[in-house]
Amino acid sequence: MKKIIQRLQEPTPRFFRKIRNYGLVLTTISAVITTAVIPLPAVLITIAGYTALAGGIASALSQTAVENEGKP
């Protein structure tokens, strides 16, 4: 567990920071769609749910990428 926490605290490469940020944006947009006050079609709500899941997974996985793995 200590190794996982240490890995999450290390610097993230630039490419994976972009993926993390895009994932957060996708999750935010889908949250706004699913909690909209106006009635929306069920298909749009379903797609927003899957988008939130994909954005969350992309953000979480990209956060675990590290710059200096394998370097002495």
Protein backbone atom coordinates (compact mmCIF):
# COMPACT_ATOMS: atom_id res chain seq x y z
CA MET A 1 0.00 0.00 0.00
CA LYS A 2 2.88 2.32 0.78
CA LYS A 3 4.28 1.82 -2.72
CA ILE A 4 0.94 2.78 -4.31
CA ILE A 5 0.69 5.96 -2.25
CA GLN A 6 4.29 6.84 -3.11
CA ARG A 7 3.58 6.26 -6.81
CA LEU A 8 0.54 8.54 -6.72
CA GLN A 9 2.61 11.32 -5.17
CA GLU A 10 5.36 11.24 -7.81
CA PRO A 11 5.31 13.66 -10.78
CA THR A 12 3.01 12.72 -13.65
CA PRO A 13 4.25 13.04 -17.26
CA ARG A 14 2.77 15.84 -19.36
CA PHE A 15 0.84 13.52 -21.71
CA PHE A 16 -0.87 11.74 -18.82
CA ARG A 17 -1.71 15.05 -17.12
CA LYS A 18 -3.62 15.99 -20.28
CA ILE A 19 -5.47 12.67 -20.26
CA ARG A 20 -6.29 13.18 -16.56
CA ASN A 21 -7.65 16.64 -17.21
CA TYR A 22 -9.74 15.51 -20.19
CA GLY A 23 -11.12 12.69 -18.05
CA LEU A 24 -12.10 15.17 -15.36
CA VAL A 25 -13.81 17.38 -17.93
CA LEU A 26 -15.75 14.40 -19.33
CA THR A 27 -16.83 13.41 -15.84
CA THR A 28 -17.94 16.96 -15.04
CA ILE A 29 -19.94 17.36 -18.25
CA SER A 30 -21.66 14.02 -17.77
CA ALA A 31 -22.50 14.92 -14.15
CA VAL A 32 -24.12 18.14 -15.34
CA ILE A 33 -26.15 16.23 -17.95
CA THR A 34 -27.34 13.56 -15.52
CA THR A 35 -28.38 16.12 -12.88
CA ALA A 36 -30.05 18.53 -15.32
CA VAL A 37 -33.34 19.99 -14.15
CA ILE A 38 -34.94 19.81 -17.58
CA PRO A 39 -36.15 16.41 -18.79
CA LEU A 40 -33.69 14.75 -21.18
CA PRO A 41 -34.04 11.59 -23.28
CA ALA A 42 -33.09 8.36 -21.56
CA VAL A 43 -30.45 7.63 -24.22
CA LEU A 44 -28.62 10.86 -23.38
CA ILE A 45 -28.67 10.05 -19.67
CA THR A 46 -27.31 6.55 -20.36
CA ILE A 47 -24.51 7.89 -22.56
CA ALA A 48 -23.65 10.47 -19.88
CA GLY A 49 -23.38 7.68 -17.31
CA TYR A 50 -20.97 5.70 -19.44
CA THR A 51 -18.99 8.87 -20.19
CA ALA A 52 -18.67 9.55 -16.46
CA LEU A 53 -17.36 6.04 -15.92
CA ALA A 54 -14.84 6.36 -18.77
CA GLY A 55 -13.68 9.77 -17.57
CA GLY A 56 -13.21 8.54 -14.02
CA ILE A 57 -11.20 5.52 -15.12
CA ALA A 58 -9.03 7.61 -17.46
CA SER A 59 -8.32 10.11 -14.70
CA ALA A 60 -7.48 7.47 -12.13
CA LEU A 61 -5.22 5.42 -14.39
CA SER A 62 -3.37 8.41 -15.80
CA GLN A 63 -2.59 9.62 -12.29
CA THR A 64 -0.58 6.45 -11.62
CA ALA A 65 1.86 7.07 -14.50
CA VAL A 66 5.24 8.28 -13.27
CA GLU A 67 8.14 10.04 -15.00
CA ASN A 68 11.12 8.35 -13.42
CA GLU A 69 10.15 4.68 -13.25
CA GLY A 70 13.09 2.44 -14.11
CA LYS A 71 15.71 5.16 -13.66
CA PRO A 72 18.34 4.53 -10.99
